[in-house]
Amino acid sequence: MRTYLRVFNPLVALLIFILCSFAAMKEDKDKPVVIGNVVAGGIPTYFFAKGMFCGVALILLGKILENQLGHHDR
């Protein structure tokens, strides 16, 4: 469980952030990636914020669980 919390959980959070950021920058399959879409507002900003929120929430919940598992070892 500790290997998951220390290695895989941050990698999954980073993957979610990257996928949501890519979805925010890529409007359509025929259009190029535009970084300015993130600050333009609307749906791209929503996807970027969702990626940030989900990534941070995963990392924080993993740290809380890791801390709780540490208390039971004592």
PDB file of N, CA and C in Angstrom:
ATOM      1  N   MET A   1       0.823  -1.185   0.000  1.00  0.00           N
ATOM      2  CA  MET A   1       0.000   0.000   0.000  1.00  0.00           C
ATOM      3  C   MET A   1       0.873   1.257   0.000  1.00  0.00           C
ATOM      4  N   ARG A   2       1.977   1.215   0.733  1.00  0.00           N
ATOM      5  CA  ARG A   2       2.845   2.390   0.796  1.00  0.00           C
ATOM      6  C   ARG A   2       3.495   2.674  -0.554  1.00  0.00           C
ATOM      7  N   THR A   3       3.807   1.622  -1.318  1.00  0.00           N
ATOM      8  CA  THR A   3       4.381   1.825  -2.655  1.00  0.00           C
ATOM      9  C   THR A   3       3.378   2.543  -3.545  1.00  0.00           C
ATOM     10  N   TYR A   4       2.125   2.143  -3.455  1.00  0.00           N
ATOM     11  CA  TYR A   4       1.096   2.820  -4.236  1.00  0.00           C
ATOM     12  C   TYR A   4       1.006   4.287  -3.842  1.00  0.00           C
ATOM     13  N   LEU A   5       0.991   4.553  -2.538  1.00  0.00           N
ATOM     14  CA  LEU A   5       0.809   5.927  -2.063  1.00  0.00           C
ATOM     15  C   LEU A   5       2.007   6.810  -2.386  1.00  0.00           C
ATOM     16  N   ARG A   6       3.200   6.250  -2.392  1.00  0.00           N
ATOM     17  CA  ARG A   6       4.391   7.069  -2.630  1.00  0.00           C
ATOM     18  C   ARG A   6       4.774   7.174  -4.091  1.00  0.00           C
ATOM     19  N   VAL A   7       4.446   6.163  -4.903  1.00  0.00           N
ATOM     20  CA  VAL A   7       4.891   6.151  -6.299  1.00  0.00           C
ATOM     21  C   VAL A   7       3.728   6.320  -7.267  1.00  0.00           C
ATOM     22  N   PHE A   8       2.772   5.420  -7.197  1.00  0.00           N
ATOM     23  CA  PHE A   8       1.726   5.388  -8.208  1.00  0.00           C
ATOM     24  C   PHE A   8       0.692   6.485  -8.051  1.00  0.00           C
ATOM     25  N   ASN A   9       0.365   6.846  -6.825  1.00  0.00           N
ATOM     26  CA  ASN A   9      -0.633   7.890  -6.607  1.00  0.00           C
ATOM     27  C   ASN A   9      -0.198   9.234  -7.202  1.00  0.00           C
ATOM     28  N   PRO A  10       1.032   9.707  -6.955  1.00  0.00           N
ATOM     29  CA  PRO A  10       1.453  10.961  -7.611  1.00  0.00           C
ATOM     30  C   PRO A  10       1.537  10.836  -9.137  1.00  0.00           C
ATOM     31  N   LEU A  11       1.916   9.661  -9.642  1.00  0.00           N
ATOM     32  CA  LEU A  11       1.960   9.475 -11.095  1.00  0.00           C
ATOM     33  C   LEU A  11       0.568   9.532 -11.712  1.00  0.00           C
ATOM     34  N   VAL A  12      -0.399   8.941 -11.049  1.00  0.00           N
ATOM     35  CA  VAL A  12      -1.781   8.995 -11.533  1.00  0.00           C
ATOM     36  C   VAL A  12      -2.305  10.426 -11.472  1.00  0.00           C
ATOM     37  N   ALA A  13      -1.983  11.146 -10.406  1.00  0.00           N
ATOM     38  CA  ALA A  13      -2.398  12.547 -10.291  1.00  0.00           C
ATOM     39  C   ALA A  13      -1.776  13.390 -11.399  1.00  0.00           C
ATOM     40  N   LEU A  14      -0.499  13.154 -11.702  1.00  0.00           N
ATOM     41  CA  LEU A  14       0.165  13.877 -12.787  1.00  0.00           C
ATOM     42  C   LEU A  14      -0.449  13.527 -14.137  1.00  0.00           C
ATOM     43  N   LEU A  15      -0.770  12.270 -14.337  1.00  0.00           N
ATOM     44  CA  LEU A  15      -1.403  11.841 -15.589  1.00  0.00           C
ATOM     45  C   LEU A  15      -2.768  12.500 -15.771  1.00  0.00           C
ATOM     46  N   ILE A  16      -3.545  12.569 -14.714  1.00  0.00           N
ATOM     47  CA  ILE A  16      -4.855  13.225 -14.783  1.00  0.00           C
ATOM     48  C   ILE A  16      -4.687  14.701 -15.113  1.00  0.00           C
ATOM     49  N   PHE A  17      -3.710  15.357 -14.473  1.00  0.00           N
ATOM     50  CA  PHE A  17      -3.473  16.774 -14.745  1.00  0.00           C
ATOM     51  C   PHE A  17      -3.047  16.987 -16.196  1.00  0.00           C
ATOM     52  N   ILE A  18      -2.180  16.139 -16.705  1.00  0.00           N
ATOM     53  CA  ILE A  18      -1.715  16.269 -18.089  1.00  0.00           C
ATOM     54  C   ILE A  18      -2.855  16.039 -19.073  1.00  0.00           C
ATOM     55  N   LEU A  19      -3.668  15.023 -18.830  1.00  0.00           N
ATOM     56  CA  LEU A  19      -4.792  14.748 -19.743  1.00  0.00           C
ATOM     57  C   LEU A  19      -5.814  15.879 -19.735  1.00  0.00           C
ATOM     58  N   CYS A  20      -6.141  16.401 -18.569  1.00  0.00           N
ATOM     59  CA  CYS A  20      -7.101  17.501 -18.499  1.00  0.00           C
ATOM     60  C   CYS A  20      -6.525  18.779 -19.109  1.00  0.00           C
ATOM     61  N   SER A  21      -5.232  19.015 -18.919  1.00  0.00           N
ATOM     62  CA  SER A  21      -4.601  20.185 -19.530  1.00  0.00           C
ATOM     63  C   SER A  21      -4.584  20.059 -21.048  1.00  0.00           C
ATOM     64  N   PHE A  22      -4.300  18.866 -21.538  1.00  0.00           N
ATOM     65  CA  PHE A  22      -4.319  18.644 -22.986  1.00  0.00           C
ATOM     66  C   PHE A  22      -5.723  18.836 -23.543  1.00  0.00           C
ATOM     67  N   ALA A  23      -6.727  18.349 -22.806  1.00  0.00           N
ATOM     68  CA  ALA A  23      -8.111  18.538 -23.246  1.00  0.00           C
ATOM     69  C   ALA A  23      -8.492  20.015 -23.254  1.00  0.00           C
ATOM     70  N   ALA A  24      -7.916  20.793 -22.344  1.00  0.00           N
ATOM     71  CA  ALA A  24      -8.209  22.226 -22.313  1.00  0.00           C
ATOM     72  C   ALA A  24      -7.558  22.958 -23.474  1.00  0.00           C
ATOM     73  N   MET A  25      -6.387  22.504 -23.894  1.00  0.00           N
ATOM     74  CA  MET A  25      -5.659  23.200 -24.958  1.00  0.00           C
ATOM     75  C   MET A  25      -6.051  22.743 -26.350  1.00  0.00           C
ATOM     76  N   LYS A  26      -6.614  21.560 -26.472  1.00  0.00           N
ATOM     77  CA  LYS A  26      -6.977  21.006 -27.770  1.00  0.00           C
ATOM     78  C   LYS A  26      -8.483  21.143 -27.942  1.00  0.00           C
ATOM     79  N   GLU A  27      -8.915  22.044 -28.809  1.00  0.00           N
ATOM     80  CA  GLU A  27     -10.343  22.283 -28.983  1.00  0.00           C
ATOM     81  C   GLU A  27     -11.024  21.181 -29.777  1.00  0.00           C
ATOM     82  N   ASP A  28     -10.427  20.835 -30.896  1.00  0.00           N
ATOM     83  CA  ASP A  28     -11.039  19.885 -31.810  1.00  0.00           C
ATOM     84  C   ASP A  28      -9.935  19.019 -32.401  1.00  0.00           C
ATOM     85  N   LYS A  29     -10.285  17.876 -32.946  1.00  0.00           N
ATOM     86  CA  LYS A  29      -9.241  16.993 -33.451  1.00  0.00           C
ATOM     87  C   LYS A  29      -8.522  17.574 -34.664  1.00  0.00           C
ATOM     88  N   ASP A  30      -9.148  18.482 -35.390  1.00  0.00           N
ATOM     89  CA  ASP A  30      -8.520  19.077 -36.563  1.00  0.00           C
ATOM     90  C   ASP A  30      -7.776  20.371 -36.255  1.00  0.00           C
ATOM     91  N   LYS A  31      -7.938  20.902 -35.050  1.00  0.00           N
ATOM     92  CA  LYS A  31      -7.307  22.168 -34.687  1.00  0.00           C
ATOM     93  C   LYS A  31      -6.017  21.905 -33.904  1.00  0.00           C
ATOM     94  N   PRO A  32      -5.053  22.830 -33.995  1.00  0.00           N
ATOM     95  CA  PRO A  32      -3.790  22.637 -33.252  1.00  0.00           C
ATOM     96  C   PRO A  32      -3.965  22.913 -31.758  1.00  0.00           C
ATOM     97  N   VAL A  33      -2.939  22.539 -31.004  1.00  0.00           N
ATOM     98  CA  VAL A  33      -2.924  22.807 -29.571  1.00  0.00           C
ATOM     99  C   VAL A  33      -2.638  24.292 -29.360  1.00  0.00           C
ATOM    100  N   VAL A  34      -3.522  24.961 -28.613  1.00  0.00           N
ATOM    101  CA  VAL A  34      -3.385  26.396 -28.343  1.00  0.00           C
ATOM    102  C   VAL A  34      -3.358  26.590 -26.830  1.00  0.00           C
ATOM    103  N   ILE A  35      -2.219  27.030 -26.310  1.00  0.00           N
ATOM    104  CA  ILE A  35      -2.062  27.205 -24.866  1.00  0.00           C
ATOM    105  C   ILE A  35      -2.961  28.325 -24.345  1.00  0.00           C
ATOM    106  N   GLY A  36      -3.266  29.297 -25.164  1.00  0.00           N
ATOM    107  CA  GLY A  36      -4.108  30.419 -24.747  1.00  0.00           C
ATOM    108  C   GLY A  36      -5.540  30.041 -24.443  1.00  0.00           C
ATOM    109  N   ASN A  37      -5.965  28.843 -24.824  1.00  0.00           N
ATOM    110  CA  ASN A  37      -7.333  28.412 -24.526  1.00  0.00           C
ATOM    111  C   ASN A  37      -7.579  28.294 -23.029  1.00  0.00           C
ATOM    112  N   VAL A  38      -6.538  28.023 -22.269  1.00  0.00           N
ATOM    113  CA  VAL A  38      -6.703  27.808 -20.827  1.00  0.00           C
ATOM    114  C   VAL A  38      -7.199  29.072 -20.142  1.00  0.00           C
ATOM    115  N   VAL A  39      -6.693  30.226 -20.539  1.00  0.00           N
ATOM    116  CA  VAL A  39      -7.088  31.480 -19.883  1.00  0.00           C
ATOM    117  C   VAL A  39      -8.222  32.188 -20.618  1.00  0.00           C
ATOM    118  N   ALA A  40      -8.724  31.598 -21.691  1.00  0.00           N
ATOM    119  CA  ALA A  40      -9.773  32.232 -22.476  1.00  0.00           C
ATOM    120  C   ALA A  40     -11.142  32.144 -21.794  1.00  0.00           C
ATOM    121  N   GLY A  41     -11.288  31.222 -20.862  1.00  0.00           N
ATOM    122  CA  GLY A  41     -12.567  31.049 -20.184  1.00  0.00           C
ATOM    123  C   GLY A  41     -13.395  29.966 -20.844  1.00  0.00           C
ATOM    124  N   GLY A  42     -14.478  29.617 -20.211  1.00  0.00           N
ATOM    125  CA  GLY A  42     -15.377  28.626 -20.751  1.00  0.00           C
ATOM    126  C   GLY A  42     -14.928  27.200 -20.448  1.00  0.00           C
ATOM    127  N   ILE A  43     -15.267  26.304 -21.361  1.00  0.00           N
ATOM    128  CA  ILE A  43     -14.996  24.873 -21.185  1.00  0.00           C
ATOM    129  C   ILE A  43     -13.506  24.565 -21.042  1.00  0.00           C
ATOM    130  N   PRO A  44     -12.601  25.170 -21.827  1.00  0.00           N
ATOM    131  CA  PRO A  44     -11.180  24.859 -21.627  1.00  0.00           C
ATOM    132  C   PRO A  44     -10.674  25.193 -20.220  1.00  0.00           C
ATOM    133  N   THR A  45     -11.113  26.305 -19.676  1.00  0.00           N
ATOM    134  CA  THR A  45     -10.702  26.674 -18.324  1.00  0.00           C
ATOM    135  C   THR A  45     -11.280  25.691 -17.306  1.00  0.00           C
ATOM    136  N   TYR A  46     -12.491  25.210 -17.553  1.00  0.00           N
ATOM    137  CA  TYR A  46     -13.107  24.218 -16.679  1.00  0.00           C
ATOM    138  C   TYR A  46     -12.278  22.946 -16.657  1.00  0.00           C
ATOM    139  N   PHE A  47     -11.853  22.459 -17.825  1.00  0.00           N
ATOM    140  CA  PHE A  47     -11.060  21.235 -17.872  1.00  0.00           C
ATOM    141  C   PHE A  47      -9.713  21.413 -17.184  1.00  0.00           C
ATOM    142  N   PHE A  48      -9.086  22.569 -17.355  1.00  0.00           N
ATOM    143  CA  PHE A  48      -7.811  22.828 -16.703  1.00  0.00           C
ATOM    144  C   PHE A  48      -7.985  22.854 -15.181  1.00  0.00           C
ATOM    145  N   ALA A  49      -9.014  23.546 -14.712  1.00  0.00           N
ATOM    146  CA  ALA A  49      -9.268  23.622 -13.272  1.00  0.00           C
ATOM    147  C   ALA A  49      -9.635  22.256 -12.703  1.00  0.00           C
ATOM    148  N   LYS A  50     -10.370  21.472 -13.470  1.00  0.00           N
ATOM    149  CA  LYS A  50     -10.745  20.132 -13.026  1.00  0.00           C
ATOM    150  C   LYS A  50      -9.511  19.254 -12.884  1.00  0.00           C
ATOM    151  N   GLY A  51      -8.581  19.374 -13.825  1.00  0.00           N
ATOM    152  CA  GLY A  51      -7.336  18.613 -13.743  1.00  0.00           C
ATOM    153  C   GLY A  51      -6.516  19.008 -12.533  1.00  0.00           C
ATOM    154  N   MET A  52      -6.446  20.311 -12.267  1.00  0.00           N
ATOM    155  CA  MET A  52      -5.703  20.770 -11.085  1.00  0.00           C
ATOM    156  C   MET A  52      -6.366  20.272  -9.804  1.00  0.00           C
ATOM    157  N   PHE A  53      -7.677  20.396  -9.722  1.00  0.00           N
ATOM    158  CA  PHE A  53      -8.390  19.986  -8.519  1.00  0.00           C
ATOM    159  C   PHE A  53      -8.258  18.487  -8.278  1.00  0.00           C
ATOM    160  N   CYS A  54      -8.477  17.688  -9.308  1.00  0.00           N
ATOM    161  CA  CYS A  54      -8.413  16.232  -9.139  1.00  0.00           C
ATOM    162  C   CYS A  54      -7.005  15.771  -8.793  1.00  0.00           C
ATOM    163  N   GLY A  55      -5.997  16.362  -9.423  1.00  0.00           N
ATOM    164  CA  GLY A  55      -4.622  15.992  -9.128  1.00  0.00           C
ATOM    165  C   GLY A  55      -4.237  16.321  -7.693  1.00  0.00           C
ATOM    166  N   VAL A  56      -4.557  17.521  -7.257  1.00  0.00           N
ATOM    167  CA  VAL A  56      -4.228  17.932  -5.887  1.00  0.00           C
ATOM    168  C   VAL A  56      -5.029  17.127  -4.875  1.00  0.00           C
ATOM    169  N   ALA A  57      -6.294  16.855  -5.166  1.00  0.00           N
ATOM    170  CA  ALA A  57      -7.116  16.070  -4.255  1.00  0.00           C
ATOM    171  C   ALA A  57      -6.564  14.655  -4.104  1.00  0.00           C
ATOM    172  N   LEU A  58      -6.129  14.050  -5.193  1.00  0.00           N
ATOM    173  CA  LEU A  58      -5.543  12.711  -5.118  1.00  0.00           C
ATOM    174  C   LEU A  58      -4.283  12.707  -4.261  1.00  0.00           C
ATOM    175  N   ILE A  59      -3.423  13.682  -4.464  1.00  0.00           N
ATOM    176  CA  ILE A  59      -2.183  13.732  -3.698  1.00  0.00           C
ATOM    177  C   ILE A  59      -2.474  13.974  -2.212  1.00  0.00           C
ATOM    178  N   LEU A  60      -3.370  14.906  -1.911  1.00  0.00           N
ATOM    179  CA  LEU A  60      -3.675  15.197  -0.507  1.00  0.00           C
ATOM    180  C   LEU A  60      -4.357  14.025   0.189  1.00  0.00           C
ATOM    181  N   LEU A  61      -5.285  13.377  -0.478  1.00  0.00           N
ATOM    182  CA  LEU A  61      -5.938  12.220   0.130  1.00  0.00           C
ATOM    183  C   LEU A  61      -4.958  11.071   0.314  1.00  0.00           C
ATOM    184  N   GLY A  62      -4.019  10.930  -0.609  1.00  0.00           N
ATOM    185  CA  GLY A  62      -2.975   9.920  -0.449  1.00  0.00           C
ATOM    186  C   GLY A  62      -2.092  10.212   0.743  1.00  0.00           C
ATOM    187  N   LYS A  63      -1.740  11.488   0.940  1.00  0.00           N
ATOM    188  CA  LYS A  63      -0.925  11.870   2.105  1.00  0.00           C
ATOM    189  C   LYS A  63      -1.684  11.633   3.411  1.00  0.00           C
ATOM    190  N   ILE A  64      -2.973  11.926   3.410  1.00  0.00           N
ATOM    191  CA  ILE A  64      -3.784  11.682   4.606  1.00  0.00           C
ATOM    192  C   ILE A  64      -3.841  10.190   4.916  1.00  0.00           C
ATOM    193  N   LEU A  65      -4.055   9.376   3.895  1.00  0.00           N
ATOM    194  CA  LEU A  65      -4.109   7.925   4.096  1.00  0.00           C
ATOM    195  C   LEU A  65      -2.754   7.386   4.546  1.00  0.00           C
ATOM    196  N   GLU A  66      -1.680   7.897   3.965  1.00  0.00           N
ATOM    197  CA  GLU A  66      -0.336   7.477   4.369  1.00  0.00           C
ATOM    198  C   GLU A  66      -0.076   7.845   5.834  1.00  0.00           C
ATOM    199  N   ASN A  67      -0.530   9.009   6.241  1.00  0.00           N
ATOM    200  CA  ASN A  67      -0.388   9.436   7.626  1.00  0.00           C
ATOM    201  C   ASN A  67      -1.202   8.541   8.556  1.00  0.00           C
ATOM    202  N   GLN A  68      -2.407   8.191   8.159  1.00  0.00           N
ATOM    203  CA  GLN A  68      -3.250   7.330   8.974  1.00  0.00           C
ATOM    204  C   GLN A  68      -2.658   5.920   9.093  1.00  0.00           C
ATOM    205  N   LEU A  69      -2.067   5.430   8.018  1.00  0.00           N
ATOM    206  CA  LEU A  69      -1.425   4.118   8.080  1.00  0.00           C
ATOM    207  C   LEU A  69      -0.192   4.156   8.976  1.00  0.00           C
ATOM    208  N   GLY A  70       0.485   5.279   9.040  1.00  0.00           N
ATOM    209  CA  GLY A  70       1.650   5.430   9.899  1.00  0.00           C
ATOM    210  C   GLY A  70       1.300   5.415  11.370  1.00  0.00           C
ATOM    211  N   HIS A  71       0.111   5.915  11.724  1.00  0.00           N
ATOM    212  CA  HIS A  71      -0.294   5.934  13.131  1.00  0.00           C
ATOM    213  C   HIS A  71      -0.592   4.529  13.645  1.00  0.00           C
ATOM    214  N   HIS A  72      -1.026   3.629  12.774  1.00  0.00           N
ATOM    215  CA  HIS A  72      -1.355   2.272  13.211  1.00  0.00           C
ATOM    216  C   HIS A  72      -0.119   1.411  13.390  1.00  0.00           C
ATOM    217  N   ASP A  73       1.019   1.825  12.830  1.00  0.00           N
ATOM    218  CA  ASP A  73       2.244   1.053  12.960  1.00  0.00           C
ATOM    219  C   ASP A  73       2.906   1.235  14.330  1.00  0.00           C
ATOM    220  N   ARG A  74       2.591   2.301  15.010  1.00  0.00           N
ATOM    221  CA  ARG A  74       3.237   2.604  16.296  1.00  0.00           C
ATOM    222  C   ARG A  74       2.717   1.766  17.418  1.00  0.00           C
TER     223      ARG A  74
END
